[in-house]
N, C-alpha and C. Protein backbone atom coordinates (compact mmCIF):
# COMPACT_ATOMS: atom_id res chain seq x y z
N UNK A 1 49.05 10.61 -27.02
CA UNK A 1 48.03 10.01 -26.52
C UNK A 1 48.21 9.46 -25.24
N UNK A 2 47.49 10.01 -24.06
CA UNK A 2 47.72 9.40 -22.57
C UNK A 2 46.93 8.13 -22.46
N UNK A 3 47.77 7.40 -21.78
CA UNK A 3 47.01 5.91 -21.43
C UNK A 3 46.07 6.11 -20.30
N UNK A 4 44.67 5.34 -20.40
CA UNK A 4 43.87 5.41 -19.40
C UNK A 4 44.63 4.74 -18.02
N UNK A 5 44.05 5.16 -17.09
CA UNK A 5 44.96 4.74 -15.72
C UNK A 5 43.84 3.95 -14.74
N UNK A 6 44.33 3.17 -14.06
CA UNK A 6 43.28 2.13 -13.26
C UNK A 6 43.12 3.01 -12.11
N UNK A 7 41.89 3.32 -11.64
CA UNK A 7 41.50 3.98 -10.37
C UNK A 7 41.92 3.10 -9.16
N UNK A 8 42.19 3.70 -8.37
CA UNK A 8 42.56 3.05 -6.71
C UNK A 8 40.87 2.79 -6.17
N UNK A 9 40.47 1.66 -5.45
CA UNK A 9 39.38 1.71 -4.84
C UNK A 9 39.15 2.78 -3.84
N UNK A 10 38.03 3.44 -3.59
CA UNK A 10 37.74 4.51 -2.64
C UNK A 10 37.80 4.04 -1.26
N UNK A 11 38.57 4.47 -0.43
CA UNK A 11 38.50 4.13 0.98
C UNK A 11 37.30 4.85 1.56
N UNK A 12 36.66 4.20 2.53
CA UNK A 12 35.43 4.94 3.12
C UNK A 12 36.18 5.90 4.18
N UNK A 13 35.34 6.98 4.29
CA UNK A 13 35.64 7.88 5.19
C UNK A 13 36.09 7.28 6.81
N UNK A 14 37.09 8.01 7.49
CA UNK A 14 37.26 7.29 8.61
C UNK A 14 38.65 7.16 8.77
N UNK A 15 39.35 6.79 9.86
CA UNK A 15 40.58 6.49 10.26
C UNK A 15 40.93 5.24 10.46
N UNK A 16 41.94 4.82 9.58
CA UNK A 16 42.45 3.28 9.81
C UNK A 16 43.17 3.16 10.99
N UNK A 17 42.91 2.08 11.80
CA UNK A 17 43.54 1.95 13.07
C UNK A 17 44.65 0.48 12.83
N UNK A 18 44.24 -0.40 12.44
CA UNK A 18 45.13 -1.61 12.34
C UNK A 18 44.70 -2.52 11.42
N UNK A 19 45.45 -3.54 10.66
CA UNK A 19 45.19 -4.49 9.96
C UNK A 19 45.58 -5.79 10.66
N UNK A 20 44.88 -6.80 10.71
CA UNK A 20 45.62 -8.23 11.18
C UNK A 20 44.90 -9.12 10.48
N UNK A 21 45.57 -9.98 9.74
CA UNK A 21 44.83 -11.05 8.97
C UNK A 21 43.61 -10.50 8.24
N UNK A 22 42.74 -10.94 8.42
CA UNK A 22 41.26 -10.56 7.57
C UNK A 22 40.76 -9.42 8.13
N UNK A 23 41.31 -9.00 9.20
CA UNK A 23 40.53 -7.96 10.24
C UNK A 23 41.16 -6.72 9.86
N UNK A 24 40.25 -5.46 9.30
CA UNK A 24 40.88 -4.33 9.10
C UNK A 24 40.12 -3.57 9.91
N UNK A 25 40.58 -2.58 11.06
CA UNK A 25 40.02 -1.62 12.03
C UNK A 25 39.99 -0.43 11.40
N UNK A 26 38.71 0.27 11.30
CA UNK A 26 38.71 1.59 10.80
C UNK A 26 37.47 2.45 11.80
N UNK A 27 38.00 3.56 12.19
CA UNK A 27 37.07 4.37 12.96
C UNK A 27 36.52 5.27 12.02
N UNK A 28 34.89 5.09 11.88
CA UNK A 28 34.02 5.66 10.83
C UNK A 28 33.90 7.12 11.55
N UNK A 29 33.58 8.03 10.98
CA UNK A 29 33.33 9.38 11.27
C UNK A 29 31.72 9.47 11.52
N UNK A 30 31.43 9.54 13.00
CA UNK A 30 30.06 9.46 13.51
C UNK A 30 29.59 10.71 13.81
N UNK A 31 28.18 11.03 13.80
CA UNK A 31 27.64 12.14 14.23
C UNK A 31 27.75 12.02 15.80
N UNK A 32 27.64 13.01 16.70
CA UNK A 32 27.62 13.01 18.05
C UNK A 32 26.18 12.33 18.33
N UNK A 33 26.41 11.26 19.45
CA UNK A 33 25.38 10.76 19.85
C UNK A 33 25.58 9.31 20.58
N UNK A 34 24.82 8.59 20.94
CA UNK A 34 25.04 7.36 21.41
C UNK A 34 24.35 6.05 20.80
N UNK A 35 23.99 6.40 19.36
CA UNK A 35 23.63 5.16 18.55
C UNK A 35 22.65 4.69 18.87
N UNK A 36 22.46 3.46 18.35
CA UNK A 36 21.10 2.74 18.78
C UNK A 36 21.02 2.19 20.30
N UNK A 37 19.96 2.71 20.98
CA UNK A 37 19.70 1.90 22.34
C UNK A 37 19.36 0.68 22.16
N UNK A 38 19.68 -0.37 22.58
CA UNK A 38 19.39 -1.76 22.66
C UNK A 38 18.26 -2.01 23.67
N UNK A 39 16.99 -2.44 23.50
CA UNK A 39 16.26 -2.38 24.68
C UNK A 39 15.84 -3.96 24.55
N UNK A 40 16.03 -4.98 23.86
CA UNK A 40 15.94 -6.24 23.55
C UNK A 40 16.85 -6.95 23.17
N UNK A 41 17.20 -8.25 23.58
CA UNK A 41 18.28 -9.03 23.16
C UNK A 41 18.16 -9.54 21.86
N UNK A 42 16.78 -9.46 21.08
CA UNK A 42 16.58 -9.58 19.73
C UNK A 42 16.50 -8.45 18.82
N UNK A 43 17.05 -7.31 19.31
CA UNK A 43 16.93 -6.13 18.34
C UNK A 43 17.77 -6.15 17.07
N UNK A 44 17.08 -5.71 16.28
CA UNK A 44 17.48 -5.68 14.73
C UNK A 44 18.60 -4.61 14.81
N UNK A 45 18.95 -3.85 15.55
CA UNK A 45 19.95 -2.71 15.75
C UNK A 45 21.29 -3.22 16.37
N UNK A 46 21.21 -4.35 16.69
CA UNK A 46 22.56 -5.08 17.48
C UNK A 46 23.63 -5.08 16.35
N UNK A 47 24.77 -4.62 16.60
CA UNK A 47 25.90 -4.69 15.82
C UNK A 47 26.13 -6.39 15.63
N UNK A 48 26.73 -6.65 14.22
CA UNK A 48 26.97 -7.78 13.76
C UNK A 48 27.78 -8.70 14.66
N UNK A 49 27.28 -9.83 15.11
CA UNK A 49 28.26 -10.69 16.05
C UNK A 49 27.97 -10.33 17.52
N UNK A 50 27.45 -9.18 17.95
CA UNK A 50 27.14 -9.06 19.28
C UNK A 50 25.85 -9.88 19.38
N UNK A 51 26.09 -10.57 20.74
CA UNK A 51 25.01 -11.27 21.10
C UNK A 51 24.75 -10.91 22.49
N UNK A 52 23.44 -11.06 23.08
CA UNK A 52 22.99 -10.50 24.36
C UNK A 52 21.77 -11.55 24.75
N UNK A 53 21.93 -12.07 26.14
CA UNK A 53 21.30 -12.85 26.84
C UNK A 53 20.90 -12.63 28.16
N UNK A 54 19.66 -12.62 28.47
CA UNK A 54 19.16 -12.39 29.99
C UNK A 54 19.83 -13.70 30.69
N UNK A 55 19.95 -13.45 32.13
CA UNK A 55 20.35 -14.43 32.98
C UNK A 55 19.47 -14.35 34.17
N UNK A 56 19.18 -15.46 34.92
CA UNK A 56 18.23 -15.31 36.00
C UNK A 56 18.97 -14.91 37.02
N UNK A 57 18.15 -14.02 38.09
CA UNK A 57 18.48 -13.79 39.42
C UNK A 57 17.48 -14.40 40.33
N UNK A 58 18.00 -14.76 41.43
CA UNK A 58 17.18 -15.43 42.36
C UNK A 58 17.09 -14.58 43.83
N UNK A 59 16.35 -13.66 43.78
CA UNK A 59 16.38 -12.93 45.19
C UNK A 59 15.51 -13.73 46.31
N UNK A 60 16.08 -13.35 47.52
CA UNK A 60 15.32 -13.84 48.69
C UNK A 60 15.45 -12.77 49.75
N UNK A 61 15.13 -12.94 50.89
CA UNK A 61 15.21 -12.05 51.96
C UNK A 61 16.73 -11.78 52.52
N UNK A 62 17.71 -12.37 52.00
CA UNK A 62 19.00 -12.54 52.37
C UNK A 62 19.73 -11.72 51.13
N UNK A 63 19.41 -11.69 50.08
CA UNK A 63 20.07 -10.87 48.97
C UNK A 63 19.69 -11.60 47.71
N UNK A 64 20.52 -12.06 46.87
CA UNK A 64 20.21 -12.38 45.42
C UNK A 64 21.45 -13.52 45.24
N UNK A 65 21.17 -14.59 44.25
CA UNK A 65 21.98 -15.56 43.77
C UNK A 65 21.85 -15.35 42.46
N UNK A 66 23.09 -15.33 41.50
CA UNK A 66 22.88 -15.56 40.19
C UNK A 66 23.96 -16.47 39.67
N UNK A 67 23.69 -17.06 38.77
CA UNK A 67 24.82 -18.14 38.14
C UNK A 67 25.35 -17.31 36.69
N UNK A 68 26.75 -17.02 36.82
CA UNK A 68 27.51 -16.18 35.82
C UNK A 68 27.66 -16.86 34.69
N UNK A 69 28.13 -18.14 34.61
CA UNK A 69 28.40 -18.85 33.53
C UNK A 69 28.48 -20.40 33.81
N UNK A 70 28.08 -21.33 32.83
CA UNK A 70 28.41 -22.73 32.77
C UNK A 70 29.27 -22.90 31.61
N UNK A 71 30.46 -23.44 32.09
CA UNK A 71 31.54 -24.02 30.99
C UNK A 71 30.76 -24.71 29.86
N UNK A 72 30.97 -24.35 28.58
CA UNK A 72 30.18 -25.25 27.58
C UNK A 72 28.82 -24.85 27.07
N UNK A 73 28.30 -23.80 27.80
CA UNK A 73 26.72 -23.36 27.44
C UNK A 73 26.82 -21.89 27.59
N UNK A 74 25.53 -21.45 27.02
CA UNK A 74 25.20 -20.04 27.19
C UNK A 74 26.24 -19.18 25.91
N UNK A 75 26.32 -18.05 26.06
CA UNK A 75 26.89 -17.26 25.19
C UNK A 75 28.54 -17.45 25.07
N UNK A 76 29.17 -17.90 25.96
CA UNK A 76 30.24 -18.47 25.98
C UNK A 76 30.55 -19.62 25.72
N UNK A 77 29.70 -20.55 25.31
CA UNK A 77 29.74 -21.90 24.92
C UNK A 77 30.97 -22.37 24.31
N UNK A 78 31.33 -21.66 23.19
CA UNK A 78 32.77 -21.82 22.30
C UNK A 78 33.79 -21.49 22.99
N UNK A 79 33.94 -20.77 24.03
CA UNK A 79 35.22 -20.67 24.74
C UNK A 79 36.08 -21.73 25.15
N UNK A 80 37.18 -22.16 24.63
CA UNK A 80 37.92 -23.05 25.09
C UNK A 80 38.56 -23.06 26.57
N UNK A 81 37.85 -24.34 27.32
CA UNK A 81 38.40 -24.27 28.83
C UNK A 81 39.94 -24.07 29.09
N UNK A 82 40.73 -24.41 28.16
CA UNK A 82 42.34 -24.46 28.51
C UNK A 82 42.81 -22.88 28.26
N UNK A 83 42.01 -22.15 27.62
CA UNK A 83 42.53 -20.60 27.53
C UNK A 83 41.39 -19.70 28.14
N UNK A 84 40.37 -20.06 28.66
CA UNK A 84 39.25 -19.05 29.21
C UNK A 84 39.90 -18.50 30.40
N UNK A 85 39.91 -17.16 30.51
CA UNK A 85 40.05 -16.47 31.61
C UNK A 85 39.00 -15.77 32.28
N UNK A 86 38.68 -15.76 33.41
CA UNK A 86 37.56 -15.16 34.14
C UNK A 86 38.11 -14.06 35.03
N UNK A 87 37.61 -12.68 34.75
CA UNK A 87 38.32 -11.73 35.45
C UNK A 87 37.21 -10.86 36.12
N UNK A 88 37.32 -9.82 36.84
CA UNK A 88 36.16 -8.83 37.40
C UNK A 88 36.94 -7.54 37.52
N UNK A 89 36.07 -6.49 37.55
CA UNK A 89 36.77 -5.00 37.70
C UNK A 89 35.43 -4.44 38.53
N UNK A 90 35.81 -3.74 39.32
CA UNK A 90 34.94 -2.73 40.16
C UNK A 90 35.38 -1.48 39.84
N UNK A 91 34.15 -0.84 39.57
CA UNK A 91 34.35 0.60 38.98
C UNK A 91 33.48 1.60 39.85
N UNK A 92 33.93 2.84 40.22
CA UNK A 92 33.05 3.67 40.91
C UNK A 92 32.13 4.40 40.05
N UNK A 93 31.04 5.16 41.01
CA UNK A 93 30.08 5.85 40.18
C UNK A 93 30.74 6.93 39.39
N UNK A 94 29.91 6.87 38.11
CA UNK A 94 30.39 8.04 37.30
C UNK A 94 31.64 7.77 36.24
N UNK A 95 32.47 6.67 36.68
CA UNK A 95 33.55 6.07 36.04
C UNK A 95 33.03 6.03 34.45
N UNK A 96 34.22 6.21 33.84
CA UNK A 96 33.91 6.04 32.15
C UNK A 96 35.14 5.08 31.86
N UNK A 97 35.04 4.02 31.52
CA UNK A 97 36.23 3.16 31.01
C UNK A 97 35.94 2.81 29.67
N UNK A 98 36.64 3.37 28.61
CA UNK A 98 36.41 3.24 27.40
C UNK A 98 37.61 3.92 26.47
N UNK A 99 37.73 3.37 25.18
CA UNK A 99 37.35 2.40 24.58
C UNK A 99 38.66 1.51 24.40
N UNK A 100 38.27 0.28 24.42
CA UNK A 100 39.39 -0.82 23.96
C UNK A 100 38.72 -1.71 22.99
N UNK A 101 39.42 -2.42 22.29
CA UNK A 101 39.24 -3.54 21.32
C UNK A 101 40.15 -4.63 21.16
N UNK A 102 39.79 -5.79 20.52
CA UNK A 102 40.74 -6.84 20.60
C UNK A 102 40.75 -7.26 18.99
N UNK A 103 41.81 -7.91 18.71
CA UNK A 103 42.14 -8.30 17.39
C UNK A 103 41.54 -9.86 17.17
N UNK A 104 41.70 -10.66 18.33
CA UNK A 104 41.39 -11.90 18.17
C UNK A 104 40.37 -12.25 19.55
N UNK A 105 40.57 -11.71 20.50
CA UNK A 105 39.60 -12.14 21.77
C UNK A 105 38.29 -11.73 21.65
N UNK A 106 37.65 -12.64 22.25
CA UNK A 106 35.94 -12.36 22.51
C UNK A 106 35.77 -12.11 23.83
N UNK A 107 34.96 -11.24 24.45
CA UNK A 107 34.63 -10.90 25.75
C UNK A 107 33.02 -11.29 25.85
N UNK A 108 33.07 -11.92 27.17
CA UNK A 108 31.66 -12.14 27.56
C UNK A 108 31.11 -11.31 28.95
N UNK A 109 30.64 -10.41 28.80
CA UNK A 109 30.19 -9.43 30.04
C UNK A 109 29.16 -9.62 31.03
N UNK A 110 29.11 -9.73 32.36
CA UNK A 110 27.97 -10.01 32.90
C UNK A 110 28.11 -8.81 34.23
N UNK A 111 27.33 -7.90 34.12
CA UNK A 111 27.53 -6.87 35.25
C UNK A 111 26.45 -7.45 36.58
N UNK A 112 27.41 -7.92 37.57
CA UNK A 112 26.61 -8.59 38.79
C UNK A 112 26.37 -7.76 39.76
N UNK A 113 26.74 -6.28 39.89
CA UNK A 113 26.50 -5.38 40.86
C UNK A 113 26.31 -3.89 40.07
N UNK A 114 25.28 -3.03 40.31
CA UNK A 114 25.40 -2.00 39.91
C UNK A 114 24.68 -1.83 38.51
N UNK A 115 24.84 -0.58 37.76
CA UNK A 115 24.34 -0.42 36.59
C UNK A 115 25.26 0.22 35.57
N UNK A 116 25.61 -0.48 34.34
CA UNK A 116 26.32 -0.06 33.34
C UNK A 116 25.81 0.58 32.23
N UNK A 117 26.20 1.71 31.73
CA UNK A 117 25.77 2.19 30.35
C UNK A 117 27.16 1.41 29.49
N UNK A 118 26.54 0.62 28.56
CA UNK A 118 27.59 -0.10 27.87
C UNK A 118 27.60 0.49 26.42
N UNK A 119 28.82 0.93 25.88
CA UNK A 119 28.95 1.41 24.66
C UNK A 119 29.70 0.53 23.46
N UNK A 120 29.21 0.24 22.45
CA UNK A 120 30.01 -0.55 21.56
C UNK A 120 29.98 0.14 20.27
N UNK A 121 31.03 -0.11 19.43
CA UNK A 121 31.19 0.47 18.26
C UNK A 121 32.01 -0.52 17.42
N UNK A 122 31.13 -0.65 16.12
CA UNK A 122 31.73 -1.61 15.23
C UNK A 122 32.88 -0.92 14.24
N UNK A 123 34.16 -1.48 14.46
CA UNK A 123 35.27 -0.94 13.70
C UNK A 123 35.70 -1.61 12.54
N UNK A 124 34.97 -2.72 12.17
CA UNK A 124 35.43 -3.73 11.29
C UNK A 124 34.99 -3.41 9.93
N UNK A 125 35.98 -3.08 8.99
CA UNK A 125 35.67 -2.85 7.80
C UNK A 125 34.86 -4.20 7.08
N UNK A 126 34.12 -4.03 6.08
CA UNK A 126 33.31 -5.14 5.54
C UNK A 126 32.29 -5.60 6.48
N UNK A 127 32.11 -5.22 7.67
CA UNK A 127 31.31 -5.69 8.50
C UNK A 127 29.83 -4.94 7.89
N UNK A 128 28.56 -5.86 7.92
CA UNK A 128 27.43 -5.09 7.66
C UNK A 128 27.01 -3.81 8.38
N UNK A 129 27.70 -3.88 9.84
CA UNK A 129 27.25 -2.70 10.60
C UNK A 129 28.49 -1.98 11.02
N UNK A 130 29.47 -1.76 10.00
CA UNK A 130 30.64 -1.13 10.12
C UNK A 130 30.24 0.34 10.67
N UNK A 131 30.67 0.96 11.74
CA UNK A 131 30.51 2.29 12.07
C UNK A 131 29.25 2.52 12.95
N UNK A 132 28.48 1.42 13.11
CA UNK A 132 27.42 1.44 14.10
C UNK A 132 27.83 1.61 15.61
N UNK A 133 26.99 2.32 16.29
CA UNK A 133 27.11 2.21 17.71
C UNK A 133 25.98 1.87 18.39
N UNK A 134 26.01 0.86 19.53
CA UNK A 134 25.11 0.53 20.41
C UNK A 134 25.25 0.87 21.64
N UNK A 135 24.15 1.25 22.32
CA UNK A 135 23.94 1.69 23.85
C UNK A 135 23.24 0.69 24.64
N UNK A 136 23.71 0.02 25.61
CA UNK A 136 22.83 -0.66 26.32
C UNK A 136 22.95 -0.54 27.90
N UNK A 137 21.94 -0.63 28.52
CA UNK A 137 21.96 -0.27 30.22
C UNK A 137 21.68 -1.97 30.81
N UNK A 138 22.94 -2.33 31.49
CA UNK A 138 22.77 -3.60 31.94
C UNK A 138 23.36 -3.74 33.38
N UNK A 139 22.86 -4.53 34.14
CA UNK A 139 23.03 -4.62 35.46
C UNK A 139 21.84 -5.24 36.27
N UNK A 140 21.63 -4.83 37.57
CA UNK A 140 20.68 -5.46 38.44
C UNK A 140 19.32 -5.27 37.89
N UNK A 141 19.34 -3.87 37.22
CA UNK A 141 17.65 -3.55 36.88
C UNK A 141 17.63 -4.39 35.39
N UNK A 142 18.60 -4.59 34.73
CA UNK A 142 18.60 -5.54 33.36
C UNK A 142 19.66 -6.51 33.36
N UNK A 143 19.53 -7.70 33.86
CA UNK A 143 20.40 -8.61 33.95
C UNK A 143 20.56 -9.42 32.52
N UNK A 144 21.48 -8.91 31.73
CA UNK A 144 21.92 -9.35 30.55
C UNK A 144 23.34 -9.71 30.48
N UNK A 145 23.73 -10.51 29.79
CA UNK A 145 25.07 -11.03 29.41
C UNK A 145 25.25 -10.51 27.88
N UNK A 146 26.41 -10.00 27.69
CA UNK A 146 26.75 -9.42 26.44
C UNK A 146 28.05 -10.12 25.80
N UNK A 147 27.84 -10.60 24.64
CA UNK A 147 29.19 -11.31 24.11
C UNK A 147 29.75 -10.23 22.93
N UNK A 148 30.85 -9.79 23.04
CA UNK A 148 31.52 -8.83 22.29
C UNK A 148 32.70 -9.33 21.32
N UNK A 149 32.53 -9.43 19.99
CA UNK A 149 33.41 -10.29 19.28
C UNK A 149 34.69 -9.14 19.02
N UNK A 150 35.73 -9.80 18.51
CA UNK A 150 36.96 -8.88 18.17
C UNK A 150 36.46 -7.77 17.13
N UNK A 151 37.29 -6.83 17.12
CA UNK A 151 37.04 -5.69 16.15
C UNK A 151 35.75 -4.76 16.64
N UNK A 152 35.10 -5.03 17.74
CA UNK A 152 34.11 -4.22 18.14
C UNK A 152 34.69 -3.36 19.54
N UNK A 153 35.03 -2.27 19.37
CA UNK A 153 35.32 -1.37 20.24
C UNK A 153 34.24 -1.31 21.47
N UNK A 154 34.73 -1.40 22.63
CA UNK A 154 33.84 -1.47 23.90
C UNK A 154 34.34 -0.64 25.00
N UNK A 155 33.13 -0.15 25.70
CA UNK A 155 33.78 0.69 26.93
C UNK A 155 32.25 0.87 27.75
N UNK A 156 32.48 1.58 29.04
CA UNK A 156 31.17 1.67 29.92
C UNK A 156 31.33 2.78 30.71
N UNK A 157 30.06 3.40 31.14
CA UNK A 157 30.24 4.31 32.34
C UNK A 157 29.27 3.92 33.33
N UNK A 158 29.60 4.04 34.52
CA UNK A 158 28.90 3.69 35.76
C UNK A 158 27.78 4.36 35.93
N UNK A 159 26.63 3.91 36.12
CA UNK A 159 25.26 4.84 36.18
C UNK A 159 24.92 4.73 37.57
N UNK A 160 24.36 5.84 38.21
CA UNK A 160 23.73 5.65 39.61
C UNK A 160 24.83 5.93 40.47
N UNK A 161 24.39 5.54 41.93
CA UNK A 161 25.31 5.79 43.10
C UNK A 161 25.99 4.99 43.53
N UNK A 162 26.11 3.48 43.18
CA UNK A 162 26.59 2.51 43.60
C UNK A 162 27.93 2.28 42.80
N UNK A 163 28.94 1.42 43.40
CA UNK A 163 30.04 0.76 42.58
C UNK A 163 29.23 -0.21 41.69
N UNK A 164 29.97 -0.41 40.36
CA UNK A 164 29.65 -1.60 39.63
C UNK A 164 30.63 -2.59 39.84
N UNK A 165 30.18 -3.81 39.57
CA UNK A 165 31.13 -5.22 39.73
C UNK A 165 30.73 -5.63 38.06
N UNK A 166 31.75 -5.79 37.38
CA UNK A 166 31.63 -6.51 36.10
C UNK A 166 32.77 -7.66 36.20
N UNK A 167 32.04 -8.87 35.83
CA UNK A 167 32.61 -10.09 35.67
C UNK A 167 32.73 -10.54 34.21
N UNK A 168 33.90 -10.55 33.55
CA UNK A 168 33.84 -10.94 32.30
C UNK A 168 34.82 -12.24 31.81
N UNK A 169 34.32 -12.93 30.88
CA UNK A 169 35.04 -14.34 30.64
C UNK A 169 35.67 -13.77 29.11
N UNK A 170 36.68 -14.14 28.99
CA UNK A 170 37.61 -13.96 27.69
C UNK A 170 37.98 -15.28 27.12
N UNK A 171 37.97 -15.45 25.74
CA UNK A 171 38.18 -16.80 25.20
C UNK A 171 39.83 -17.12 25.12
N UNK A 172 40.60 -16.14 25.60
CA UNK A 172 41.92 -16.44 25.70
C UNK A 172 42.57 -15.65 26.68
N UNK A 173 43.88 -16.11 27.19
CA UNK A 173 44.51 -15.12 28.17
C UNK A 173 44.61 -14.00 27.76
N UNK A 174 45.00 -13.02 28.80
CA UNK A 174 45.31 -11.67 28.57
C UNK A 174 46.50 -11.44 27.64
N UNK A 175 46.43 -10.70 26.65
CA UNK A 175 47.61 -10.41 25.94
C UNK A 175 47.87 -8.98 25.32
N UNK A 176 48.61 -8.08 26.04
CA UNK A 176 48.59 -6.77 25.62
C UNK A 176 48.62 -6.78 24.28
N UNK A 177 49.28 -7.29 23.38
CA UNK A 177 49.50 -7.28 21.87
C UNK A 177 48.20 -7.58 21.26
N UNK A 178 47.05 -7.91 21.91
CA UNK A 178 45.99 -8.17 21.18
C UNK A 178 45.11 -7.07 21.53
N UNK A 179 45.30 -6.22 22.31
CA UNK A 179 44.47 -4.98 22.79
C UNK A 179 44.77 -3.65 22.40
N UNK A 180 43.85 -2.87 21.73
CA UNK A 180 44.02 -1.52 21.35
C UNK A 180 43.18 -0.67 22.25
N UNK A 181 43.59 0.66 22.18
CA UNK A 181 42.83 1.63 23.16
C UNK A 181 42.65 2.91 22.03
N UNK A 182 41.35 3.32 22.61
CA UNK A 182 40.85 4.64 21.67
C UNK A 182 40.44 5.41 22.84
N UNK A 183 40.80 6.85 22.85
CA UNK A 183 40.29 7.61 23.94
C UNK A 183 38.85 7.62 24.03
N UNK A 184 38.18 7.78 25.22
CA UNK A 184 36.58 7.85 25.36
C UNK A 184 36.09 8.94 24.45
N UNK A 185 36.69 9.91 24.33
CA UNK A 185 36.20 11.30 23.59
C UNK A 185 36.86 11.14 22.09
N UNK A 186 37.08 10.21 21.54
CA UNK A 186 37.67 10.13 20.12
C UNK A 186 36.49 10.93 19.25
N UNK A 187 37.24 11.90 18.37
CA UNK A 187 36.22 12.67 17.66
C UNK A 187 35.58 11.95 16.47
N UNK A 188 36.33 10.80 16.08
CA UNK A 188 35.54 9.81 14.84
C UNK A 188 34.26 9.15 15.72
N UNK A 189 34.42 8.36 16.66
CA UNK A 189 33.63 7.86 17.30
C UNK A 189 32.51 8.66 17.92
N UNK A 190 32.83 9.91 18.33
CA UNK A 190 31.83 10.86 18.90
C UNK A 190 30.89 10.64 19.80
N UNK A 191 30.94 9.61 20.78
CA UNK A 191 29.97 9.22 21.35
C UNK A 191 29.75 10.09 22.72
N UNK A 192 28.54 10.40 22.94
CA UNK A 192 28.04 11.38 23.91
C UNK A 192 27.81 10.70 25.21
N UNK A 193 28.82 10.93 26.33
CA UNK A 193 28.75 10.23 27.45
C UNK A 193 28.09 11.04 28.60
N UNK A 194 27.39 12.24 28.13
CA UNK A 194 26.54 13.06 29.05
C UNK A 194 25.26 12.33 29.22
N UNK A 195 24.61 12.74 30.36
CA UNK A 195 23.44 12.35 30.68
C UNK A 195 22.57 12.73 29.44
N UNK A 196 21.47 11.85 29.21
CA UNK A 196 20.63 12.32 27.97
C UNK A 196 19.37 13.04 28.57
N UNK A 197 19.26 14.37 28.53
CA UNK A 197 18.41 15.06 28.97
C UNK A 197 17.29 15.18 27.82
N UNK A 198 16.10 14.39 27.77
CA UNK A 198 15.02 14.15 26.83
C UNK A 198 13.94 14.61 27.44
């Protein structure tokens, strides 16, 4: 008489990337597309833990002024001053920088010039939005800051004909051991970087 065996829990469809502490990252198999387009900071389709906040621009006949961040307030209010890093990236029109993710680091992005098509993908097993993709268009035409938690892959494409300038705060100093990379054309994420002809 054969003994009954305990079945192993079924792993979800996808490709496991890494586990670190309580964070397990898995690329779910997504259909080709751009996921949910986020048109409001209060969108119900936002990936869990991602936060969006408009920031004011003050234009006049000389140009414009914007306040990127006040330490201790806004989306990055919890970032510790002793380890917060402020960086900037200039990217040329049509450039795609994607995808990367962090195990511990939070990012707070502010596009201060140009327009970015920001792509986010939830890699976190156990997240209520695991496998979800978000797309948002941020920059001069839509001045939003975007807070990206650990385990959410992120990248962008520069839209239009001008360079884009992204200023980003991180809650810890750069550590290459905390960062993972995924090709922009990963078959599991299956993100469509082409112009959407609708």
